[in-house]
Amino acid sequence: MITIAMAEDHQMLIDGVKSFFEYDEHVNIIGTVNNGEDLVKLVLLKQPKLVITDIRMPKMDGIEATKLIKTKLPHIRVLALTMFDQPDAIKQMLDAGASGYLLKNSGIKMLSKAIVAVAEGDTFFDPNVAFNFMNDYIDRKVTIGKSDKVVLSNREKEILSLIANGKTSKEIAETLFIAKTTVDTHRKNMIRKLNLKNGNELVKYSIDMKYQF
């Protein structure tokens, strides 16, 4: 069972999500609030498996709320559900500790897919957010800092491109006709090569305009 706490300042959206999952045997929305401050309190009290949060909310925004939640309860997964598709907003949520980023116009079925992926420990990013620039850079060398250069293999570049388009490890494996464990190995290798800390930083790296592919 995936237990969820949700923060959204538009009650109609909350009601719609609750209605969709009302009879879902695998998803249980255990609490909803309309601002970031109340979200932090709710999460500390009920400790859900997953948090769904908007970014812009009264009292405290979703970015600050996510930072506090991940500081106090780092095991809880966070999925952003927002209207903002700007790279800066995505980076800020990733820096705060979110593992998923979904646009509100993506539909309830996409939300259901994102919930499962993030709750299972994967990352999930809306294919419509600002990842298009990846295709312009994917064949170039990766430069980190001033002098350390890293060259990704063709397969790593291919997987990185799919990560940037919001694909989970399972979906990448199906797309490339390889085992999911192989995809996971490539992810780990890229994290090591790029001197990153975790999978979230790998995703953030793929959308960071400072790096050139």
N, C-alpha and C. Protein backbone atom coordinates (compact mmCIF):
# COMPACT_ATOMS: atom_id res chain seq x y z
N MET A 1 0.84 -1.20 0.00
CA MET A 1 0.00 0.00 0.00
C MET A 1 0.87 1.25 0.00
N ILE A 2 0.59 2.17 -0.92
CA ILE A 2 1.31 3.43 -1.00
C ILE A 2 0.49 4.49 -0.25
N THR A 3 0.98 4.90 0.90
CA THR A 3 0.30 5.94 1.66
C THR A 3 0.80 7.31 1.20
N ILE A 4 -0.13 8.25 1.05
CA ILE A 4 0.19 9.54 0.44
C ILE A 4 -0.34 10.70 1.26
N ALA A 5 0.49 11.73 1.40
CA ALA A 5 0.06 13.03 1.92
C ALA A 5 0.17 14.01 0.76
N MET A 6 -0.85 14.82 0.58
CA MET A 6 -0.89 15.71 -0.58
C MET A 6 -1.10 17.16 -0.15
N ALA A 7 -0.33 18.06 -0.77
CA ALA A 7 -0.47 19.50 -0.52
C ALA A 7 -0.76 20.20 -1.83
N GLU A 8 -1.86 20.94 -1.84
CA GLU A 8 -2.30 21.64 -3.04
C GLU A 8 -3.28 22.73 -2.60
N ASP A 9 -3.06 23.97 -3.08
CA ASP A 9 -3.92 25.05 -2.61
C ASP A 9 -5.23 25.15 -3.38
N HIS A 10 -5.42 24.34 -4.39
CA HIS A 10 -6.69 24.27 -5.09
C HIS A 10 -7.44 23.01 -4.65
N GLN A 11 -8.44 23.21 -3.83
CA GLN A 11 -9.16 22.08 -3.25
C GLN A 11 -9.82 21.19 -4.30
N MET A 12 -10.21 21.78 -5.41
CA MET A 12 -10.85 21.01 -6.46
C MET A 12 -9.93 19.93 -7.01
N LEU A 13 -8.64 20.26 -7.14
CA LEU A 13 -7.68 19.28 -7.63
C LEU A 13 -7.50 18.17 -6.60
N ILE A 14 -7.42 18.53 -5.33
CA ILE A 14 -7.32 17.52 -4.28
C ILE A 14 -8.52 16.58 -4.33
N ASP A 15 -9.70 17.16 -4.46
CA ASP A 15 -10.92 16.35 -4.49
C ASP A 15 -10.92 15.40 -5.68
N GLY A 16 -10.43 15.88 -6.81
CA GLY A 16 -10.37 15.04 -8.00
C GLY A 16 -9.42 13.87 -7.84
N VAL A 17 -8.24 14.13 -7.28
CA VAL A 17 -7.26 13.07 -7.06
C VAL A 17 -7.79 12.06 -6.04
N LYS A 18 -8.37 12.54 -4.96
CA LYS A 18 -8.93 11.65 -3.94
C LYS A 18 -10.03 10.78 -4.53
N SER A 19 -10.85 11.36 -5.36
CA SER A 19 -11.95 10.61 -5.98
C SER A 19 -11.42 9.51 -6.88
N PHE A 20 -10.37 9.81 -7.65
CA PHE A 20 -9.82 8.82 -8.58
C PHE A 20 -9.25 7.62 -7.84
N PHE A 21 -8.59 7.88 -6.72
CA PHE A 21 -7.92 6.80 -5.99
C PHE A 21 -8.77 6.22 -4.84
N GLU A 22 -10.01 6.64 -4.76
CA GLU A 22 -10.85 6.23 -3.63
C GLU A 22 -10.96 4.72 -3.49
N TYR A 23 -11.05 4.02 -4.62
CA TYR A 23 -11.23 2.56 -4.56
C TYR A 23 -9.99 1.81 -5.04
N ASP A 24 -8.88 2.51 -5.10
CA ASP A 24 -7.62 1.87 -5.50
C ASP A 24 -7.05 1.09 -4.32
N GLU A 25 -6.81 -0.19 -4.52
CA GLU A 25 -6.32 -1.05 -3.44
C GLU A 25 -4.87 -0.80 -3.09
N HIS A 26 -4.15 -0.10 -3.98
CA HIS A 26 -2.71 0.08 -3.78
C HIS A 26 -2.33 1.49 -3.34
N VAL A 27 -3.28 2.42 -3.37
CA VAL A 27 -3.00 3.81 -3.03
C VAL A 27 -3.98 4.27 -1.96
N ASN A 28 -3.44 4.89 -0.92
CA ASN A 28 -4.28 5.40 0.17
C ASN A 28 -3.84 6.82 0.51
N ILE A 29 -4.68 7.80 0.20
CA ILE A 29 -4.38 9.19 0.53
C ILE A 29 -4.79 9.43 1.97
N ILE A 30 -3.82 9.53 2.85
CA ILE A 30 -4.10 9.56 4.29
C ILE A 30 -4.23 10.98 4.85
N GLY A 31 -4.00 11.98 4.00
CA GLY A 31 -4.16 13.35 4.47
C GLY A 31 -3.90 14.35 3.36
N THR A 32 -4.64 15.46 3.39
CA THR A 32 -4.45 16.53 2.41
C THR A 32 -4.45 17.87 3.13
N VAL A 33 -3.67 18.81 2.60
CA VAL A 33 -3.58 20.16 3.16
C VAL A 33 -3.49 21.16 2.02
N ASN A 34 -3.57 22.44 2.36
CA ASN A 34 -3.57 23.49 1.33
C ASN A 34 -2.38 24.42 1.39
N ASN A 35 -1.38 24.11 2.22
CA ASN A 35 -0.17 24.94 2.27
C ASN A 35 1.01 24.13 2.78
N GLY A 36 2.20 24.69 2.58
CA GLY A 36 3.42 23.97 2.93
C GLY A 36 3.62 23.74 4.41
N GLU A 37 3.24 24.71 5.23
CA GLU A 37 3.41 24.55 6.67
C GLU A 37 2.61 23.36 7.19
N ASP A 38 1.36 23.28 6.77
CA ASP A 38 0.52 22.17 7.21
C ASP A 38 1.00 20.84 6.63
N LEU A 39 1.61 20.89 5.46
CA LEU A 39 2.15 19.66 4.87
C LEU A 39 3.24 19.08 5.76
N VAL A 40 4.16 19.92 6.19
CA VAL A 40 5.25 19.45 7.05
C VAL A 40 4.68 18.83 8.33
N LYS A 41 3.70 19.49 8.93
CA LYS A 41 3.08 18.97 10.15
C LYS A 41 2.41 17.63 9.89
N LEU A 42 1.69 17.54 8.78
CA LEU A 42 0.99 16.30 8.44
C LEU A 42 1.96 15.15 8.22
N VAL A 43 3.04 15.42 7.51
CA VAL A 43 4.01 14.38 7.21
C VAL A 43 4.71 13.90 8.49
N LEU A 44 5.07 14.82 9.36
CA LEU A 44 5.70 14.44 10.62
C LEU A 44 4.77 13.61 11.49
N LEU A 45 3.47 13.89 11.40
CA LEU A 45 2.49 13.17 12.20
C LEU A 45 2.19 11.78 11.65
N LYS A 46 1.95 11.71 10.34
CA LYS A 46 1.47 10.45 9.76
C LYS A 46 2.53 9.66 9.00
N GLN A 47 3.64 10.31 8.64
CA GLN A 47 4.76 9.66 7.96
C GLN A 47 4.32 8.76 6.80
N PRO A 48 3.77 9.36 5.76
CA PRO A 48 3.37 8.59 4.58
C PRO A 48 4.58 8.07 3.81
N LYS A 49 4.33 7.18 2.90
CA LYS A 49 5.42 6.69 2.05
C LYS A 49 5.79 7.72 0.99
N LEU A 50 4.79 8.49 0.55
CA LEU A 50 4.98 9.43 -0.55
C LEU A 50 4.27 10.76 -0.26
N VAL A 51 4.93 11.84 -0.66
CA VAL A 51 4.34 13.17 -0.57
C VAL A 51 4.15 13.71 -1.98
N ILE A 52 2.95 14.22 -2.24
CA ILE A 52 2.69 14.93 -3.49
C ILE A 52 2.49 16.39 -3.13
N THR A 53 3.28 17.27 -3.75
CA THR A 53 3.17 18.68 -3.38
C THR A 53 3.25 19.61 -4.57
N ASP A 54 2.45 20.66 -4.51
CA ASP A 54 2.56 21.75 -5.47
C ASP A 54 3.79 22.57 -5.08
N ILE A 55 4.21 23.47 -5.94
CA ILE A 55 5.35 24.34 -5.61
C ILE A 55 4.86 25.64 -4.98
N ARG A 56 4.02 26.37 -5.68
CA ARG A 56 3.54 27.65 -5.15
C ARG A 56 2.32 27.43 -4.27
N MET A 57 2.47 27.71 -2.98
CA MET A 57 1.39 27.57 -2.02
C MET A 57 1.52 28.65 -0.95
N PRO A 58 0.43 28.92 -0.22
CA PRO A 58 0.50 29.92 0.86
C PRO A 58 1.39 29.45 2.02
N LYS A 59 1.83 30.39 2.82
CA LYS A 59 2.58 30.18 4.06
C LYS A 59 3.97 29.61 3.82
N MET A 60 4.07 28.51 3.08
CA MET A 60 5.36 27.91 2.76
C MET A 60 5.23 27.21 1.43
N ASP A 61 6.18 27.44 0.51
CA ASP A 61 6.07 26.80 -0.80
C ASP A 61 6.53 25.35 -0.74
N GLY A 62 6.28 24.63 -1.83
CA GLY A 62 6.60 23.22 -1.86
C GLY A 62 8.08 22.92 -1.81
N ILE A 63 8.90 23.84 -2.29
CA ILE A 63 10.35 23.63 -2.26
C ILE A 63 10.86 23.63 -0.83
N GLU A 64 10.47 24.64 -0.06
CA GLU A 64 10.91 24.72 1.33
C GLU A 64 10.32 23.57 2.16
N ALA A 65 9.07 23.23 1.89
CA ALA A 65 8.45 22.12 2.61
C ALA A 65 9.18 20.81 2.33
N THR A 66 9.56 20.62 1.08
CA THR A 66 10.29 19.40 0.71
C THR A 66 11.64 19.34 1.42
N LYS A 67 12.34 20.47 1.49
CA LYS A 67 13.63 20.50 2.19
C LYS A 67 13.47 20.07 3.65
N LEU A 68 12.45 20.61 4.31
CA LEU A 68 12.24 20.29 5.71
C LEU A 68 11.87 18.82 5.89
N ILE A 69 11.01 18.32 5.02
CA ILE A 69 10.59 16.93 5.11
C ILE A 69 11.77 15.99 4.90
N LYS A 70 12.58 16.26 3.88
CA LYS A 70 13.71 15.39 3.59
C LYS A 70 14.80 15.48 4.66
N THR A 71 14.89 16.63 5.32
CA THR A 71 15.86 16.77 6.41
C THR A 71 15.44 15.94 7.62
N LYS A 72 14.16 15.98 7.94
CA LYS A 72 13.65 15.27 9.11
C LYS A 72 13.35 13.80 8.84
N LEU A 73 12.86 13.52 7.64
CA LEU A 73 12.47 12.14 7.29
C LEU A 73 12.97 11.83 5.88
N PRO A 74 14.26 11.59 5.74
CA PRO A 74 14.85 11.44 4.41
C PRO A 74 14.34 10.25 3.60
N HIS A 75 13.73 9.28 4.28
CA HIS A 75 13.25 8.10 3.56
C HIS A 75 11.94 8.35 2.81
N ILE A 76 11.26 9.44 3.13
CA ILE A 76 9.98 9.72 2.48
C ILE A 76 10.23 10.27 1.08
N ARG A 77 9.51 9.74 0.12
CA ARG A 77 9.67 10.15 -1.27
C ARG A 77 8.76 11.33 -1.57
N VAL A 78 9.22 12.20 -2.47
CA VAL A 78 8.47 13.41 -2.80
C VAL A 78 8.27 13.52 -4.31
N LEU A 79 7.03 13.79 -4.69
CA LEU A 79 6.66 14.00 -6.09
C LEU A 79 6.05 15.40 -6.22
N ALA A 80 6.65 16.22 -7.06
CA ALA A 80 6.12 17.56 -7.31
C ALA A 80 5.02 17.48 -8.36
N LEU A 81 3.91 18.17 -8.09
CA LEU A 81 2.80 18.25 -9.04
C LEU A 81 2.50 19.73 -9.23
N THR A 82 2.83 20.27 -10.38
CA THR A 82 2.86 21.72 -10.52
C THR A 82 2.54 22.17 -11.94
N MET A 83 2.35 23.47 -12.09
CA MET A 83 2.16 24.08 -13.41
C MET A 83 3.48 24.54 -14.01
N PHE A 84 4.53 24.64 -13.18
CA PHE A 84 5.79 25.22 -13.62
C PHE A 84 6.65 24.22 -14.38
N ASP A 85 7.02 24.56 -15.62
CA ASP A 85 7.89 23.68 -16.40
C ASP A 85 9.26 24.29 -16.66
N GLN A 86 9.58 25.38 -15.94
CA GLN A 86 10.88 26.03 -16.13
C GLN A 86 12.00 25.20 -15.50
N PRO A 87 13.16 25.14 -16.16
CA PRO A 87 14.30 24.38 -15.62
C PRO A 87 14.68 24.79 -14.20
N ASP A 88 14.60 26.08 -13.88
CA ASP A 88 14.96 26.54 -12.53
C ASP A 88 14.06 25.92 -11.47
N ALA A 89 12.78 25.83 -11.77
CA ALA A 89 11.84 25.24 -10.81
C ALA A 89 12.15 23.75 -10.62
N ILE A 90 12.45 23.08 -11.71
CA ILE A 90 12.77 21.65 -11.64
C ILE A 90 14.04 21.44 -10.82
N LYS A 91 15.05 22.24 -11.08
CA LYS A 91 16.32 22.11 -10.36
C LYS A 91 16.13 22.37 -8.87
N GLN A 92 15.32 23.37 -8.54
CA GLN A 92 15.11 23.68 -7.13
C GLN A 92 14.41 22.54 -6.40
N MET A 93 13.45 21.91 -7.06
CA MET A 93 12.77 20.78 -6.43
C MET A 93 13.70 19.58 -6.29
N LEU A 94 14.55 19.35 -7.28
CA LEU A 94 15.52 18.27 -7.19
C LEU A 94 16.52 18.54 -6.08
N ASP A 95 16.98 19.77 -5.98
CA ASP A 95 17.91 20.14 -4.91
C ASP A 95 17.26 19.94 -3.54
N ALA A 96 15.96 20.19 -3.47
CA ALA A 96 15.25 20.04 -2.20
C ALA A 96 15.08 18.58 -1.81
N GLY A 97 15.14 17.68 -2.81
CA GLY A 97 15.04 16.25 -2.50
C GLY A 97 13.92 15.51 -3.20
N ALA A 98 13.22 16.16 -4.13
CA ALA A 98 12.14 15.48 -4.85
C ALA A 98 12.70 14.41 -5.78
N SER A 99 11.94 13.36 -5.95
CA SER A 99 12.34 12.26 -6.85
C SER A 99 11.49 12.22 -8.11
N GLY A 100 10.47 13.08 -8.17
CA GLY A 100 9.61 13.11 -9.35
C GLY A 100 9.08 14.50 -9.59
N TYR A 101 8.73 14.78 -10.85
CA TYR A 101 8.25 16.12 -11.23
C TYR A 101 7.22 15.94 -12.32
N LEU A 102 5.98 16.34 -12.03
CA LEU A 102 4.88 16.12 -12.96
C LEU A 102 4.09 17.40 -13.14
N LEU A 103 3.68 17.67 -14.40
CA LEU A 103 2.85 18.83 -14.68
C LEU A 103 1.38 18.50 -14.48
N LYS A 104 0.63 19.48 -14.02
CA LYS A 104 -0.78 19.25 -13.71
C LYS A 104 -1.62 18.92 -14.93
N ASN A 105 -1.17 19.34 -16.11
CA ASN A 105 -1.95 19.06 -17.31
C ASN A 105 -1.64 17.70 -17.93
N SER A 106 -0.90 16.88 -17.20
CA SER A 106 -0.51 15.58 -17.74
C SER A 106 -1.60 14.52 -17.59
N GLY A 107 -2.55 14.75 -16.71
CA GLY A 107 -3.65 13.80 -16.56
C GLY A 107 -3.47 12.86 -15.39
N ILE A 108 -4.58 12.31 -14.95
CA ILE A 108 -4.59 11.49 -13.76
C ILE A 108 -3.88 10.14 -13.96
N LYS A 109 -3.93 9.61 -15.17
CA LYS A 109 -3.26 8.33 -15.42
C LYS A 109 -1.74 8.47 -15.33
N MET A 110 -1.24 9.60 -15.81
CA MET A 110 0.19 9.87 -15.69
C MET A 110 0.57 10.03 -14.23
N LEU A 111 -0.29 10.66 -13.46
CA LEU A 111 -0.04 10.81 -12.03
C LEU A 111 0.02 9.45 -11.36
N SER A 112 -0.88 8.56 -11.72
CA SER A 112 -0.88 7.21 -11.16
C SER A 112 0.44 6.50 -11.46
N LYS A 113 0.91 6.66 -12.66
CA LYS A 113 2.18 6.05 -13.08
C LYS A 113 3.34 6.64 -12.29
N ALA A 114 3.32 7.96 -12.09
CA ALA A 114 4.39 8.63 -11.35
C ALA A 114 4.40 8.20 -9.89
N ILE A 115 3.23 8.06 -9.30
CA ILE A 115 3.13 7.64 -7.90
C ILE A 115 3.80 6.29 -7.69
N VAL A 116 3.49 5.34 -8.54
CA VAL A 116 4.06 3.99 -8.41
C VAL A 116 5.57 4.02 -8.58
N ALA A 117 6.04 4.74 -9.60
CA ALA A 117 7.48 4.79 -9.88
C ALA A 117 8.25 5.40 -8.71
N VAL A 118 7.80 6.55 -8.24
CA VAL A 118 8.51 7.24 -7.16
C VAL A 118 8.43 6.46 -5.85
N ALA A 119 7.26 5.89 -5.57
CA ALA A 119 7.10 5.12 -4.34
C ALA A 119 7.98 3.88 -4.32
N GLU A 120 8.27 3.33 -5.50
CA GLU A 120 9.11 2.14 -5.59
C GLU A 120 10.59 2.47 -5.60
N GLY A 121 10.93 3.74 -5.46
CA GLY A 121 12.33 4.13 -5.36
C GLY A 121 12.94 4.61 -6.65
N ASP A 122 12.13 4.71 -7.71
CA ASP A 122 12.64 5.18 -8.99
C ASP A 122 12.42 6.69 -9.09
N THR A 123 12.86 7.28 -10.16
CA THR A 123 12.58 8.68 -10.44
C THR A 123 11.57 8.76 -11.56
N PHE A 124 10.81 9.84 -11.60
CA PHE A 124 9.82 10.01 -12.67
C PHE A 124 9.73 11.48 -13.01
N PHE A 125 9.87 11.78 -14.29
CA PHE A 125 9.79 13.17 -14.73
C PHE A 125 8.91 13.28 -15.95
N ASP A 126 8.02 14.23 -15.91
CA ASP A 126 7.07 14.47 -16.98
C ASP A 126 7.81 14.63 -18.31
N PRO A 127 7.41 13.87 -19.32
CA PRO A 127 8.11 13.97 -20.61
C PRO A 127 7.94 15.33 -21.27
N ASN A 128 7.01 16.13 -20.78
CA ASN A 128 6.77 17.44 -21.40
C ASN A 128 7.54 18.59 -20.76
N VAL A 129 8.28 18.32 -19.69
CA VAL A 129 9.05 19.40 -19.10
C VAL A 129 10.31 19.65 -19.91
N ALA A 130 11.09 20.64 -19.48
CA ALA A 130 12.14 21.18 -20.36
C ALA A 130 13.34 20.25 -20.53
N PHE A 131 13.12 19.17 -21.31
CA PHE A 131 14.22 18.25 -21.58
C PHE A 131 14.63 18.26 -23.05
N ASN A 132 13.94 19.02 -23.89
CA ASN A 132 14.19 18.97 -25.32
C ASN A 132 15.62 19.33 -25.69
N PHE A 133 16.23 20.19 -24.88
CA PHE A 133 17.60 20.61 -25.21
C PHE A 133 18.58 19.44 -25.15
N MET A 134 18.19 18.35 -24.45
CA MET A 134 19.09 17.19 -24.35
C MET A 134 19.50 16.68 -25.73
N ASN A 135 18.57 16.67 -26.65
CA ASN A 135 18.86 16.13 -27.96
C ASN A 135 19.92 16.94 -28.71
N ASP A 136 20.06 18.20 -28.35
CA ASP A 136 21.04 19.06 -29.01
C ASP A 136 22.46 18.82 -28.51
N TYR A 137 22.58 18.19 -27.32
CA TYR A 137 23.88 18.08 -26.68
C TYR A 137 24.37 16.64 -26.50
N ILE A 138 23.51 15.66 -26.79
CA ILE A 138 23.78 14.31 -26.36
C ILE A 138 25.04 13.70 -26.98
N ASP A 139 25.49 14.21 -28.12
CA ASP A 139 26.65 13.61 -28.77
C ASP A 139 27.98 14.29 -28.44
N ARG A 140 27.94 15.26 -27.52
CA ARG A 140 29.17 15.96 -27.16
C ARG A 140 29.79 15.40 -25.89
N LYS A 141 31.03 15.76 -25.64
CA LYS A 141 31.70 15.34 -24.41
C LYS A 141 31.12 16.07 -23.22
N VAL A 142 31.17 15.41 -22.08
CA VAL A 142 30.71 16.00 -20.84
C VAL A 142 31.90 16.62 -20.14
N THR A 143 31.79 17.90 -19.79
CA THR A 143 32.87 18.57 -19.10
C THR A 143 32.43 18.96 -17.69
N ILE A 144 33.21 18.57 -16.69
CA ILE A 144 32.91 18.89 -15.31
C ILE A 144 34.03 19.75 -14.76
N GLY A 145 33.68 20.87 -14.14
CA GLY A 145 34.71 21.74 -13.59
C GLY A 145 35.55 22.36 -14.69
N LYS A 146 36.81 22.59 -14.40
CA LYS A 146 37.67 23.29 -15.36
C LYS A 146 38.52 22.34 -16.19
N SER A 147 38.85 21.16 -15.62
CA SER A 147 39.80 20.34 -16.34
C SER A 147 39.41 18.87 -16.47
N ASP A 148 38.51 18.37 -15.60
CA ASP A 148 38.16 16.96 -15.63
C ASP A 148 37.15 16.70 -16.74
N LYS A 149 37.53 15.83 -17.68
CA LYS A 149 36.63 15.52 -18.79
C LYS A 149 36.19 14.07 -18.70
N VAL A 150 34.91 13.85 -18.96
CA VAL A 150 34.35 12.52 -18.92
C VAL A 150 33.65 12.26 -20.24
N VAL A 151 33.92 11.12 -20.82
CA VAL A 151 33.25 10.74 -22.06
C VAL A 151 32.33 9.56 -21.77
N LEU A 152 31.06 9.77 -22.00
CA LEU A 152 30.10 8.69 -21.79
C LEU A 152 30.07 7.79 -23.01
N SER A 153 29.82 6.51 -22.77
CA SER A 153 29.70 5.57 -23.88
C SER A 153 28.41 5.85 -24.65
N ASN A 154 28.30 5.29 -25.85
CA ASN A 154 27.10 5.51 -26.65
C ASN A 154 25.86 5.00 -25.92
N ARG A 155 25.99 3.85 -25.26
CA ARG A 155 24.86 3.30 -24.52
C ARG A 155 24.49 4.20 -23.34
N GLU A 156 25.49 4.74 -22.65
CA GLU A 156 25.23 5.64 -21.54
C GLU A 156 24.54 6.91 -22.01
N LYS A 157 24.98 7.43 -23.16
CA LYS A 157 24.33 8.61 -23.73
C LYS A 157 22.87 8.32 -24.06
N GLU A 158 22.65 7.13 -24.60
CA GLU A 158 21.30 6.72 -24.98
C GLU A 158 20.40 6.64 -23.74
N ILE A 159 20.92 6.05 -22.69
CA ILE A 159 20.15 5.91 -21.44
C ILE A 159 19.95 7.28 -20.80
N LEU A 160 20.97 8.12 -20.83
CA LEU A 160 20.85 9.46 -20.25
C LEU A 160 19.77 10.25 -20.97
N SER A 161 19.69 10.11 -22.28
CA SER A 161 18.67 10.79 -23.06
C SER A 161 17.28 10.33 -22.66
N LEU A 162 17.12 9.03 -22.42
CA LEU A 162 15.83 8.49 -22.02
C LEU A 162 15.46 8.93 -20.60
N ILE A 163 16.46 9.00 -19.73
CA ILE A 163 16.23 9.53 -18.37
C ILE A 163 15.70 10.95 -18.47
N ALA A 164 16.31 11.73 -19.34
CA ALA A 164 15.91 13.12 -19.51
C ALA A 164 14.50 13.26 -20.07
N ASN A 165 14.02 12.23 -20.71
CA ASN A 165 12.66 12.25 -21.25
C ASN A 165 11.66 11.59 -20.30
N GLY A 166 12.07 11.42 -19.05
CA GLY A 166 11.15 10.97 -18.02
C GLY A 166 10.96 9.48 -17.92
N LYS A 167 11.82 8.68 -18.56
CA LYS A 167 11.67 7.23 -18.53
C LYS A 167 12.22 6.64 -17.23
N THR A 168 11.52 5.65 -16.69
CA THR A 168 12.02 4.91 -15.54
C THR A 168 12.99 3.84 -16.03
N SER A 169 13.71 3.22 -15.10
CA SER A 169 14.65 2.16 -15.47
C SER A 169 13.94 1.02 -16.19
N LYS A 170 12.76 0.67 -15.71
CA LYS A 170 11.99 -0.40 -16.34
C LYS A 170 11.62 -0.04 -17.77
N GLU A 171 11.17 1.19 -17.97
CA GLU A 171 10.78 1.63 -19.32
C GLU A 171 11.99 1.71 -20.24
N ILE A 172 13.12 2.14 -19.72
CA ILE A 172 14.35 2.20 -20.52
C ILE A 172 14.74 0.79 -20.96
N ALA A 173 14.66 -0.15 -20.03
CA ALA A 173 15.00 -1.54 -20.35
C ALA A 173 14.10 -2.07 -21.47
N GLU A 174 12.82 -1.77 -21.38
CA GLU A 174 11.88 -2.24 -22.41
C GLU A 174 12.14 -1.56 -23.75
N THR A 175 12.49 -0.29 -23.71
CA THR A 175 12.76 0.45 -24.94
C THR A 175 14.01 -0.06 -25.66
N LEU A 176 15.04 -0.37 -24.86
CA LEU A 176 16.33 -0.78 -25.44
C LEU A 176 16.49 -2.29 -25.51
N PHE A 177 15.47 -3.03 -25.04
CA PHE A 177 15.50 -4.50 -25.06
C PHE A 177 16.69 -5.05 -24.28
N ILE A 178 16.89 -4.47 -23.10
CA ILE A 178 17.93 -4.96 -22.20
C ILE A 178 17.32 -5.16 -20.81
N ALA A 179 18.06 -5.81 -19.93
CA ALA A 179 17.56 -6.07 -18.59
C ALA A 179 17.55 -4.79 -17.75
N LYS A 180 16.61 -4.71 -16.83
CA LYS A 180 16.54 -3.56 -15.94
C LYS A 180 17.82 -3.46 -15.10
N THR A 181 18.38 -4.61 -14.71
CA THR A 181 19.63 -4.59 -13.94
C THR A 181 20.76 -3.97 -14.75
N THR A 182 20.72 -4.14 -16.06
CA THR A 182 21.74 -3.54 -16.93
C THR A 182 21.59 -2.02 -16.93
N VAL A 183 20.35 -1.55 -16.99
CA VAL A 183 20.10 -0.11 -16.93
C VAL A 183 20.59 0.44 -15.60
N ASP A 184 20.27 -0.25 -14.52
CA ASP A 184 20.70 0.20 -13.19
C ASP A 184 22.22 0.27 -13.09
N THR A 185 22.89 -0.69 -13.71
CA THR A 185 24.36 -0.68 -13.72
C THR A 185 24.89 0.53 -14.47
N HIS A 186 24.29 0.83 -15.61
CA HIS A 186 24.70 2.01 -16.38
C HIS A 186 24.47 3.29 -15.59
N ARG A 187 23.36 3.35 -14.87
CA ARG A 187 23.09 4.52 -14.04
C ARG A 187 24.19 4.70 -13.00
N LYS A 188 24.53 3.59 -12.33
CA LYS A 188 25.57 3.65 -11.30
C LYS A 188 26.90 4.08 -11.90
N ASN A 189 27.20 3.56 -13.07
CA ASN A 189 28.47 3.92 -13.72
C ASN A 189 28.51 5.40 -14.08
N MET A 190 27.39 5.92 -14.55
CA MET A 190 27.35 7.35 -14.90
C MET A 190 27.46 8.22 -13.66
N ILE A 191 26.82 7.80 -12.58
CA ILE A 191 26.93 8.54 -11.32
C ILE A 191 28.38 8.59 -10.87
N ARG A 192 29.07 7.44 -11.01
CA ARG A 192 30.48 7.37 -10.62
C ARG A 192 31.34 8.23 -11.54
N LYS A 193 31.15 8.08 -12.85
CA LYS A 193 31.95 8.83 -13.81
C LYS A 193 31.78 10.34 -13.65
N LEU A 194 30.56 10.75 -13.38
CA LEU A 194 30.26 12.17 -13.31
C LEU A 194 30.46 12.74 -11.91
N ASN A 195 30.91 11.86 -11.01
CA ASN A 195 31.18 12.28 -9.63
C ASN A 195 29.93 12.86 -8.96
N LEU A 196 28.80 12.17 -9.17
CA LEU A 196 27.54 12.58 -8.57
C LEU A 196 27.26 11.75 -7.33
N LYS A 197 26.29 12.17 -6.54
CA LYS A 197 26.01 11.49 -5.28
C LYS A 197 24.95 10.40 -5.41
N ASN A 198 23.95 10.62 -6.27
CA ASN A 198 22.85 9.68 -6.34
C ASN A 198 22.08 9.86 -7.64
N GLY A 199 21.00 9.08 -7.75
CA GLY A 199 20.18 9.13 -8.96
C GLY A 199 19.51 10.46 -9.19
N ASN A 200 19.11 11.12 -8.11
CA ASN A 200 18.50 12.44 -8.25
C ASN A 200 19.45 13.43 -8.91
N GLU A 201 20.72 13.36 -8.51
CA GLU A 201 21.71 14.27 -9.11
C GLU A 201 21.95 13.92 -10.57
N LEU A 202 21.81 12.65 -10.92
CA LEU A 202 21.95 12.26 -12.33
C LEU A 202 20.85 12.89 -13.17
N VAL A 203 19.64 12.86 -12.65
CA VAL A 203 18.52 13.49 -13.36
C VAL A 203 18.72 15.00 -13.43
N LYS A 204 19.11 15.59 -12.32
CA LYS A 204 19.36 17.03 -12.28
C LYS A 204 20.46 17.40 -13.28
N TYR A 205 21.48 16.56 -13.32
CA TYR A 205 22.57 16.79 -14.27
C TYR A 205 22.06 16.85 -15.71
N SER A 206 21.10 15.96 -16.02
CA SER A 206 20.60 15.88 -17.39
C SER A 206 19.82 17.13 -17.80
N ILE A 207 19.37 17.91 -16.83
CA ILE A 207 18.62 19.12 -17.18
C ILE A 207 19.36 20.40 -16.82
N ASP A 208 20.59 20.24 -16.40
CA ASP A 208 21.36 21.42 -15.99
C ASP A 208 22.02 22.05 -17.21
N MET A 209 21.63 23.24 -17.56
CA MET A 209 22.13 23.88 -18.77
C MET A 209 23.61 24.27 -18.67
N LYS A 210 24.20 24.15 -17.50
CA LYS A 210 25.61 24.50 -17.39
C LYS A 210 26.48 23.44 -18.04
N TYR A 211 25.98 22.22 -18.11
CA TYR A 211 26.78 21.14 -18.66
C TYR A 211 26.51 20.98 -20.14
N GLN A 212 27.52 20.56 -20.88
CA GLN A 212 27.39 20.38 -22.31
C GLN A 212 27.61 18.92 -22.67
N PHE A 213 26.70 18.42 -23.46
CA PHE A 213 26.79 17.01 -23.86
C PHE A 213 27.31 16.93 -25.28
